[in-house]
Amino acid sequence: MLCDQCKERDHAISLTTVEDNAVRQLHLCEKCAAERGVEAPATVAKHPLGDFIQAVQQQSLVLQEDAVRCAFCSTSLREFRTSERLGCAHCYGAFERSLRELLRRVHGSSRHVGPAYQPPSPTQLQKRSTLDELQDRLQRAIDTEQFELAANLRDQIRGLE
């Protein structure tokens, strides 16, 4: 595919922009992308020694991933990366360093910055429990056609709500 700007060279970069809820894709060659200030991915020359060093590093990483295991459930770091599931609650401590890096990459930070959970107060829990009980009694009164009792229960529920 040719560059959308100069229409002379093959495109090397696909640039996606969103303006006013409209998605627009622009295919640029390296020269036109550089003119717009977009850096092209560096092209690395193929060298047999470089391939060998990369293979050794990959093998080292694989061995390290197998070496790190949860002491409680024996899940390895490699198993976590392939399944994307932790084996147990103790895995958070065993894989802490890797999880921090993963959270940093995914969320932009390894620290929680959003609102904190506030549990409901005991009075709210008691009120909810009472309302649930009254609604159950109301349903039973309606089912057994005890309409006077149902009207009283309905009024009690409205008073609590």
N, C-alpha and C. Protein backbone atom coordinates (compact mmCIF):
# COMPACT_ATOMS: atom_id res chain seq x y z
N MET A 1 0.84 -1.17 0.00
CA MET A 1 0.00 0.00 0.00
C MET A 1 0.89 1.24 0.00
N LEU A 2 0.53 2.22 -0.78
CA LEU A 2 1.32 3.44 -0.90
C LEU A 2 1.01 4.40 0.24
N CYS A 3 1.95 5.30 0.47
CA CYS A 3 1.82 6.34 1.48
C CYS A 3 0.64 7.24 1.10
N ASP A 4 -0.21 7.57 2.06
CA ASP A 4 -1.37 8.42 1.80
C ASP A 4 -0.98 9.87 1.53
N GLN A 5 0.20 10.30 1.98
CA GLN A 5 0.60 11.68 1.81
C GLN A 5 1.34 11.92 0.50
N CYS A 6 2.45 11.18 0.29
CA CYS A 6 3.25 11.42 -0.93
C CYS A 6 2.85 10.53 -2.09
N LYS A 7 2.21 9.40 -1.81
CA LYS A 7 1.76 8.44 -2.81
C LYS A 7 2.90 7.94 -3.71
N GLU A 8 4.13 7.90 -3.14
CA GLU A 8 5.29 7.44 -3.91
C GLU A 8 5.89 6.17 -3.32
N ARG A 9 6.03 6.13 -2.01
CA ARG A 9 6.70 5.01 -1.34
C ARG A 9 5.66 4.16 -0.61
N ASP A 10 6.09 2.90 -0.29
CA ASP A 10 5.23 2.01 0.50
C ASP A 10 5.09 2.56 1.91
N HIS A 11 3.92 2.32 2.50
CA HIS A 11 3.73 2.83 3.86
C HIS A 11 4.48 1.94 4.85
N ALA A 12 4.98 2.58 5.91
CA ALA A 12 5.71 1.87 6.96
C ALA A 12 5.00 1.99 8.30
N ILE A 13 4.16 3.01 8.42
CA ILE A 13 3.48 3.28 9.69
C ILE A 13 2.01 3.52 9.42
N SER A 14 1.17 2.91 10.26
CA SER A 14 -0.26 3.19 10.21
C SER A 14 -0.58 4.05 11.43
N LEU A 15 -1.07 5.25 11.18
CA LEU A 15 -1.37 6.20 12.23
C LEU A 15 -2.88 6.31 12.35
N THR A 16 -3.42 6.05 13.54
CA THR A 16 -4.86 6.11 13.77
C THR A 16 -5.16 7.32 14.64
N THR A 17 -6.08 8.17 14.19
CA THR A 17 -6.47 9.34 14.96
C THR A 17 -7.98 9.31 15.17
N VAL A 18 -8.40 9.86 16.32
CA VAL A 18 -9.83 9.95 16.63
C VAL A 18 -10.14 11.43 16.83
N GLU A 19 -10.99 11.96 15.98
CA GLU A 19 -11.41 13.36 16.05
C GLU A 19 -12.92 13.43 15.97
N ASP A 20 -13.54 14.03 16.98
CA ASP A 20 -15.00 14.17 17.03
C ASP A 20 -15.71 12.84 16.82
N ASN A 21 -15.27 11.82 17.54
CA ASN A 21 -15.84 10.47 17.49
C ASN A 21 -15.72 9.82 16.12
N ALA A 22 -14.82 10.32 15.27
CA ALA A 22 -14.59 9.72 13.96
C ALA A 22 -13.16 9.16 13.94
N VAL A 23 -13.03 7.90 13.59
CA VAL A 23 -11.73 7.25 13.53
C VAL A 23 -11.18 7.38 12.12
N ARG A 24 -9.93 7.83 12.03
CA ARG A 24 -9.30 8.02 10.72
C ARG A 24 -7.94 7.35 10.73
N GLN A 25 -7.68 6.52 9.73
CA GLN A 25 -6.39 5.84 9.61
C GLN A 25 -5.59 6.49 8.50
N LEU A 26 -4.31 6.73 8.80
CA LEU A 26 -3.42 7.35 7.85
C LEU A 26 -2.21 6.45 7.70
N HIS A 27 -1.90 6.07 6.48
CA HIS A 27 -0.76 5.20 6.20
C HIS A 27 0.36 6.08 5.65
N LEU A 28 1.50 6.12 6.37
CA LEU A 28 2.60 6.99 6.00
C LEU A 28 3.88 6.21 5.77
N CYS A 29 4.71 6.72 4.84
CA CYS A 29 6.04 6.16 4.67
C CYS A 29 6.93 6.74 5.77
N GLU A 30 8.16 6.23 5.89
CA GLU A 30 9.05 6.68 6.95
C GLU A 30 9.37 8.17 6.83
N LYS A 31 9.56 8.66 5.61
CA LYS A 31 9.92 10.06 5.41
C LYS A 31 8.77 10.99 5.80
N CYS A 32 7.56 10.67 5.34
CA CYS A 32 6.40 11.51 5.66
C CYS A 32 6.07 11.45 7.16
N ALA A 33 6.27 10.28 7.76
CA ALA A 33 6.04 10.16 9.20
C ALA A 33 7.03 11.01 9.98
N ALA A 34 8.29 11.03 9.53
CA ALA A 34 9.31 11.85 10.19
C ALA A 34 8.97 13.33 10.08
N GLU A 35 8.41 13.75 8.93
CA GLU A 35 8.01 15.15 8.75
C GLU A 35 6.90 15.53 9.72
N ARG A 36 6.03 14.58 10.07
CA ARG A 36 4.95 14.83 11.02
C ARG A 36 5.40 14.65 12.47
N GLY A 37 6.65 14.22 12.67
CA GLY A 37 7.16 14.03 14.03
C GLY A 37 6.89 12.67 14.61
N VAL A 38 6.50 11.72 13.78
CA VAL A 38 6.25 10.35 14.23
C VAL A 38 7.49 9.53 13.95
N GLU A 39 8.02 8.90 15.00
CA GLU A 39 9.22 8.10 14.82
C GLU A 39 8.87 6.74 14.24
N ALA A 40 9.64 6.32 13.26
CA ALA A 40 9.45 5.01 12.66
C ALA A 40 10.14 3.98 13.53
N PRO A 41 9.62 2.77 13.60
CA PRO A 41 10.30 1.75 14.38
C PRO A 41 11.68 1.48 13.80
N ALA A 42 12.64 1.36 14.68
CA ALA A 42 14.02 1.14 14.23
C ALA A 42 14.15 -0.23 13.58
N THR A 43 14.81 -0.24 12.47
CA THR A 43 15.04 -1.51 11.79
C THR A 43 16.39 -2.03 12.23
N VAL A 44 16.39 -3.23 12.76
CA VAL A 44 17.61 -3.85 13.27
C VAL A 44 18.16 -4.77 12.19
N ALA A 45 19.41 -4.59 11.89
CA ALA A 45 20.05 -5.44 10.89
C ALA A 45 20.17 -6.86 11.43
N LYS A 46 19.86 -7.83 10.60
CA LYS A 46 19.95 -9.22 11.01
C LYS A 46 21.41 -9.63 11.07
N HIS A 47 21.77 -10.21 12.19
CA HIS A 47 23.14 -10.67 12.38
C HIS A 47 23.07 -11.99 13.13
N PRO A 48 23.80 -12.99 12.71
CA PRO A 48 23.71 -14.30 13.36
C PRO A 48 24.08 -14.25 14.84
N LEU A 49 25.05 -13.43 15.20
CA LEU A 49 25.44 -13.34 16.60
C LEU A 49 24.32 -12.71 17.42
N GLY A 50 23.64 -11.72 16.86
CA GLY A 50 22.51 -11.09 17.54
C GLY A 50 21.38 -12.07 17.76
N ASP A 51 21.11 -12.92 16.76
CA ASP A 51 20.07 -13.95 16.91
C ASP A 51 20.44 -14.94 18.01
N PHE A 52 21.71 -15.31 18.08
CA PHE A 52 22.18 -16.25 19.09
C PHE A 52 22.02 -15.65 20.49
N ILE A 53 22.42 -14.39 20.65
CA ILE A 53 22.32 -13.73 21.96
C ILE A 53 20.86 -13.61 22.37
N GLN A 54 20.00 -13.28 21.43
CA GLN A 54 18.57 -13.17 21.73
C GLN A 54 18.00 -14.53 22.15
N ALA A 55 18.41 -15.59 21.49
CA ALA A 55 17.94 -16.93 21.85
C ALA A 55 18.39 -17.32 23.25
N VAL A 56 19.63 -16.97 23.60
CA VAL A 56 20.15 -17.28 24.94
C VAL A 56 19.36 -16.50 25.99
N GLN A 57 19.06 -15.24 25.72
CA GLN A 57 18.29 -14.44 26.66
C GLN A 57 16.89 -15.01 26.83
N GLN A 58 16.27 -15.43 25.74
CA GLN A 58 14.94 -16.02 25.81
C GLN A 58 14.96 -17.29 26.66
N GLN A 59 15.98 -18.13 26.46
CA GLN A 59 16.10 -19.37 27.22
C GLN A 59 16.28 -19.05 28.70
N SER A 60 17.06 -18.02 29.00
CA SER A 60 17.28 -17.62 30.39
C SER A 60 15.98 -17.16 31.02
N LEU A 61 15.17 -16.41 30.28
CA LEU A 61 13.89 -15.95 30.80
C LEU A 61 12.94 -17.12 31.06
N VAL A 62 12.94 -18.11 30.17
CA VAL A 62 12.08 -19.28 30.34
C VAL A 62 12.48 -20.04 31.60
N LEU A 63 13.79 -20.20 31.83
CA LEU A 63 14.26 -20.90 33.03
C LEU A 63 13.89 -20.12 34.28
N GLN A 64 13.98 -18.80 34.24
CA GLN A 64 13.63 -17.99 35.40
C GLN A 64 12.13 -18.09 35.68
N GLU A 65 11.31 -18.11 34.64
CA GLU A 65 9.87 -18.21 34.83
C GLU A 65 9.49 -19.54 35.46
N ASP A 66 10.21 -20.61 35.13
CA ASP A 66 9.93 -21.90 35.75
C ASP A 66 10.44 -21.96 37.17
N ALA A 67 11.50 -21.19 37.49
CA ALA A 67 12.10 -21.23 38.82
C ALA A 67 11.21 -20.52 39.85
N VAL A 68 10.49 -19.49 39.46
CA VAL A 68 9.64 -18.76 40.38
C VAL A 68 8.32 -19.51 40.50
N ARG A 69 8.05 -20.00 41.71
CA ARG A 69 6.83 -20.76 41.97
C ARG A 69 6.19 -20.29 43.26
N CYS A 70 4.89 -20.43 43.34
CA CYS A 70 4.17 -20.14 44.57
C CYS A 70 4.42 -21.29 45.54
N ALA A 71 4.80 -20.98 46.76
CA ALA A 71 5.10 -22.01 47.75
C ALA A 71 3.85 -22.76 48.20
N PHE A 72 2.68 -22.16 48.04
CA PHE A 72 1.45 -22.78 48.52
C PHE A 72 0.82 -23.72 47.50
N CYS A 73 0.68 -23.25 46.23
CA CYS A 73 -0.03 -24.06 45.23
C CYS A 73 0.88 -24.56 44.10
N SER A 74 2.14 -24.18 44.10
CA SER A 74 3.15 -24.61 43.12
C SER A 74 2.89 -24.09 41.71
N THR A 75 2.10 -23.05 41.56
CA THR A 75 1.91 -22.44 40.25
C THR A 75 3.18 -21.69 39.87
N SER A 76 3.65 -21.88 38.64
CA SER A 76 4.86 -21.18 38.20
C SER A 76 4.48 -19.88 37.51
N LEU A 77 5.45 -19.01 37.38
CA LEU A 77 5.24 -17.74 36.70
C LEU A 77 4.86 -17.99 35.24
N ARG A 78 5.45 -19.01 34.65
CA ARG A 78 5.13 -19.35 33.25
C ARG A 78 3.67 -19.77 33.12
N GLU A 79 3.18 -20.59 34.06
CA GLU A 79 1.78 -21.01 34.03
C GLU A 79 0.85 -19.81 34.17
N PHE A 80 1.23 -18.86 35.04
CA PHE A 80 0.42 -17.65 35.19
C PHE A 80 0.37 -16.87 33.88
N ARG A 81 1.52 -16.73 33.22
CA ARG A 81 1.57 -15.95 31.98
C ARG A 81 0.77 -16.62 30.86
N THR A 82 0.76 -17.94 30.81
CA THR A 82 0.02 -18.61 29.74
C THR A 82 -1.48 -18.63 30.02
N SER A 83 -1.88 -18.89 31.27
CA SER A 83 -3.30 -18.98 31.60
C SER A 83 -3.91 -17.65 32.02
N GLU A 84 -3.07 -16.69 32.41
CA GLU A 84 -3.50 -15.39 32.91
C GLU A 84 -4.37 -15.53 34.14
N ARG A 85 -4.14 -16.60 34.91
CA ARG A 85 -4.87 -16.84 36.16
C ARG A 85 -3.89 -17.25 37.24
N LEU A 86 -4.09 -16.70 38.42
CA LEU A 86 -3.27 -17.08 39.56
C LEU A 86 -3.86 -18.33 40.18
N GLY A 87 -3.01 -19.14 40.81
CA GLY A 87 -3.47 -20.38 41.39
C GLY A 87 -4.18 -20.21 42.72
N CYS A 88 -3.73 -19.24 43.54
CA CYS A 88 -4.32 -19.03 44.86
C CYS A 88 -4.01 -17.61 45.32
N ALA A 89 -4.48 -17.25 46.49
CA ALA A 89 -4.25 -15.90 47.02
C ALA A 89 -2.78 -15.67 47.35
N HIS A 90 -2.04 -16.74 47.64
CA HIS A 90 -0.62 -16.60 47.99
C HIS A 90 0.24 -16.26 46.76
N CYS A 91 -0.29 -16.48 45.57
CA CYS A 91 0.45 -16.18 44.34
C CYS A 91 0.75 -14.69 44.23
N TYR A 92 -0.12 -13.84 44.79
CA TYR A 92 0.12 -12.40 44.72
C TYR A 92 1.46 -12.04 45.36
N GLY A 93 1.78 -12.68 46.48
CA GLY A 93 3.06 -12.42 47.14
C GLY A 93 4.22 -13.05 46.39
N ALA A 94 4.01 -14.24 45.85
CA ALA A 94 5.10 -14.94 45.16
C ALA A 94 5.48 -14.24 43.85
N PHE A 95 4.51 -13.69 43.15
CA PHE A 95 4.77 -13.06 41.85
C PHE A 95 4.67 -11.54 41.93
N GLU A 96 4.89 -10.98 43.11
CA GLU A 96 4.67 -9.55 43.32
C GLU A 96 5.42 -8.68 42.32
N ARG A 97 6.69 -8.95 42.10
CA ARG A 97 7.48 -8.10 41.20
C ARG A 97 6.92 -8.12 39.78
N SER A 98 6.58 -9.29 39.29
CA SER A 98 6.04 -9.40 37.94
C SER A 98 4.66 -8.77 37.85
N LEU A 99 3.84 -8.94 38.89
CA LEU A 99 2.51 -8.36 38.88
C LEU A 99 2.56 -6.84 38.92
N ARG A 100 3.49 -6.29 39.69
CA ARG A 100 3.64 -4.83 39.74
C ARG A 100 3.98 -4.29 38.35
N GLU A 101 4.89 -4.97 37.66
CA GLU A 101 5.28 -4.54 36.31
C GLU A 101 4.10 -4.66 35.35
N LEU A 102 3.34 -5.75 35.46
CA LEU A 102 2.17 -5.95 34.61
C LEU A 102 1.13 -4.86 34.86
N LEU A 103 0.84 -4.55 36.12
CA LEU A 103 -0.12 -3.50 36.45
C LEU A 103 0.36 -2.14 35.94
N ARG A 104 1.65 -1.88 36.07
CA ARG A 104 2.19 -0.61 35.60
C ARG A 104 2.00 -0.47 34.09
N ARG A 105 2.25 -1.57 33.36
CA ARG A 105 2.08 -1.51 31.90
C ARG A 105 0.62 -1.37 31.50
N VAL A 106 -0.28 -2.09 32.18
CA VAL A 106 -1.69 -2.10 31.80
C VAL A 106 -2.40 -0.83 32.25
N HIS A 107 -2.19 -0.42 33.51
CA HIS A 107 -2.94 0.69 34.07
C HIS A 107 -2.17 2.00 34.14
N GLY A 108 -0.88 1.96 33.84
CA GLY A 108 -0.08 3.18 33.90
C GLY A 108 0.51 3.43 35.27
N SER A 109 0.12 2.68 36.27
CA SER A 109 0.64 2.85 37.62
C SER A 109 0.47 1.52 38.36
N SER A 110 1.35 1.28 39.32
CA SER A 110 1.20 0.05 40.10
C SER A 110 0.50 0.34 41.43
N ARG A 111 0.06 1.58 41.62
CA ARG A 111 -0.66 1.96 42.83
C ARG A 111 -2.10 2.32 42.49
N HIS A 112 -3.03 1.95 43.36
CA HIS A 112 -4.44 2.26 43.15
C HIS A 112 -4.67 3.73 43.47
N VAL A 113 -5.30 4.46 42.54
CA VAL A 113 -5.54 5.88 42.75
C VAL A 113 -7.03 6.22 42.69
N GLY A 114 -7.87 5.24 42.55
CA GLY A 114 -9.31 5.48 42.45
C GLY A 114 -9.96 5.55 43.81
N PRO A 115 -11.29 5.62 43.84
CA PRO A 115 -12.00 5.69 45.12
C PRO A 115 -11.87 4.39 45.89
N ALA A 116 -11.81 4.49 47.19
CA ALA A 116 -11.67 3.32 48.05
C ALA A 116 -13.06 2.79 48.42
N TYR A 117 -13.17 1.51 48.61
CA TYR A 117 -14.43 0.87 48.99
C TYR A 117 -14.79 1.26 50.43
N GLN A 118 -16.02 1.70 50.63
CA GLN A 118 -16.52 2.02 51.96
C GLN A 118 -17.65 1.05 52.28
N PRO A 119 -17.47 0.19 53.28
CA PRO A 119 -18.54 -0.76 53.61
C PRO A 119 -19.76 -0.02 54.16
N PRO A 120 -20.95 -0.60 53.98
CA PRO A 120 -22.15 0.05 54.50
C PRO A 120 -22.14 0.06 56.02
N SER A 121 -22.79 1.05 56.59
CA SER A 121 -22.84 1.16 58.04
C SER A 121 -23.76 0.07 58.61
N PRO A 122 -23.58 -0.27 59.88
CA PRO A 122 -24.44 -1.30 60.49
C PRO A 122 -25.92 -0.92 60.47
N THR A 123 -26.24 0.37 60.58
CA THR A 123 -27.66 0.77 60.54
C THR A 123 -28.26 0.53 59.16
N GLN A 124 -27.47 0.76 58.11
CA GLN A 124 -27.96 0.49 56.75
C GLN A 124 -28.18 -1.00 56.55
N LEU A 125 -27.28 -1.82 57.09
CA LEU A 125 -27.44 -3.27 56.97
C LEU A 125 -28.68 -3.74 57.72
N GLN A 126 -28.91 -3.20 58.91
CA GLN A 126 -30.08 -3.58 59.68
C GLN A 126 -31.36 -3.17 58.98
N LYS A 127 -31.37 -1.95 58.41
CA LYS A 127 -32.55 -1.46 57.69
C LYS A 127 -32.84 -2.35 56.48
N ARG A 128 -31.79 -2.73 55.72
CA ARG A 128 -31.96 -3.58 54.55
C ARG A 128 -32.51 -4.95 54.95
N SER A 129 -32.00 -5.49 56.07
CA SER A 129 -32.46 -6.78 56.55
C SER A 129 -33.94 -6.72 56.94
N THR A 130 -34.33 -5.66 57.63
CA THR A 130 -35.73 -5.49 58.04
C THR A 130 -36.63 -5.36 56.82
N LEU A 131 -36.19 -4.56 55.83
CA LEU A 131 -36.99 -4.41 54.61
C LEU A 131 -37.17 -5.74 53.88
N ASP A 132 -36.10 -6.51 53.78
CA ASP A 132 -36.19 -7.82 53.12
C ASP A 132 -37.17 -8.74 53.84
N GLU A 133 -37.12 -8.73 55.17
CA GLU A 133 -38.02 -9.58 55.95
C GLU A 133 -39.48 -9.15 55.76
N LEU A 134 -39.71 -7.83 55.80
CA LEU A 134 -41.07 -7.33 55.61
C LEU A 134 -41.59 -7.65 54.21
N GLN A 135 -40.75 -7.54 53.18
CA GLN A 135 -41.17 -7.86 51.82
C GLN A 135 -41.50 -9.34 51.67
N ASP A 136 -40.74 -10.21 52.35
CA ASP A 136 -41.07 -11.64 52.33
C ASP A 136 -42.42 -11.91 52.99
N ARG A 137 -42.63 -11.26 54.14
CA ARG A 137 -43.91 -11.44 54.83
C ARG A 137 -45.06 -10.90 54.00
N LEU A 138 -44.83 -9.77 53.31
CA LEU A 138 -45.86 -9.19 52.45
C LEU A 138 -46.22 -10.17 51.33
N GLN A 139 -45.22 -10.77 50.71
CA GLN A 139 -45.48 -11.71 49.62
C GLN A 139 -46.27 -12.92 50.12
N ARG A 140 -45.91 -13.43 51.32
CA ARG A 140 -46.66 -14.56 51.88
C ARG A 140 -48.10 -14.17 52.21
N ALA A 141 -48.29 -12.94 52.72
CA ALA A 141 -49.65 -12.49 53.04
C ALA A 141 -50.49 -12.37 51.77
N ILE A 142 -49.90 -11.89 50.69
CA ILE A 142 -50.63 -11.79 49.42
C ILE A 142 -50.95 -13.18 48.89
N ASP A 143 -50.00 -14.11 48.98
CA ASP A 143 -50.22 -15.47 48.48
C ASP A 143 -51.34 -16.18 49.24
N THR A 144 -51.45 -15.90 50.56
CA THR A 144 -52.49 -16.55 51.37
C THR A 144 -53.76 -15.70 51.47
N GLU A 145 -53.81 -14.61 50.68
CA GLU A 145 -54.97 -13.73 50.59
C GLU A 145 -55.34 -13.09 51.92
N GLN A 146 -54.34 -12.72 52.73
CA GLN A 146 -54.55 -11.97 53.98
C GLN A 146 -54.28 -10.49 53.65
N PHE A 147 -55.29 -9.86 53.06
CA PHE A 147 -55.10 -8.54 52.48
C PHE A 147 -54.96 -7.44 53.52
N GLU A 148 -55.61 -7.57 54.68
CA GLU A 148 -55.46 -6.56 55.74
C GLU A 148 -54.02 -6.56 56.26
N LEU A 149 -53.49 -7.76 56.50
CA LEU A 149 -52.10 -7.87 56.95
C LEU A 149 -51.15 -7.35 55.87
N ALA A 150 -51.47 -7.64 54.60
CA ALA A 150 -50.63 -7.19 53.49
C ALA A 150 -50.62 -5.66 53.42
N ALA A 151 -51.77 -5.02 53.66
CA ALA A 151 -51.84 -3.56 53.64
C ALA A 151 -51.00 -2.96 54.76
N ASN A 152 -51.06 -3.57 55.97
CA ASN A 152 -50.24 -3.10 57.09
C ASN A 152 -48.75 -3.25 56.79
N LEU A 153 -48.37 -4.39 56.23
CA LEU A 153 -46.96 -4.62 55.89
C LEU A 153 -46.49 -3.64 54.81
N ARG A 154 -47.37 -3.36 53.84
CA ARG A 154 -47.03 -2.41 52.79
C ARG A 154 -46.75 -1.03 53.38
N ASP A 155 -47.60 -0.62 54.34
CA ASP A 155 -47.42 0.68 54.97
C ASP A 155 -46.12 0.73 55.78
N GLN A 156 -45.77 -0.36 56.45
CA GLN A 156 -44.52 -0.42 57.22
C GLN A 156 -43.31 -0.30 56.27
N ILE A 157 -43.41 -0.97 55.12
CA ILE A 157 -42.31 -0.92 54.14
C ILE A 157 -42.15 0.51 53.62
N ARG A 158 -43.26 1.15 53.30
CA ARG A 158 -43.18 2.54 52.81
C ARG A 158 -42.60 3.47 53.85
N GLY A 159 -42.91 3.21 55.11
CA GLY A 159 -42.37 4.05 56.19
C GLY A 159 -40.86 3.90 56.33
N LEU A 160 -40.35 2.68 56.12
CA LEU A 160 -38.90 2.44 56.20
C LEU A 160 -38.13 2.97 54.98
N GLU A 161 -38.80 2.92 53.83
CA GLU A 161 -38.12 3.38 52.60
C GLU A 161 -38.07 4.87 52.59
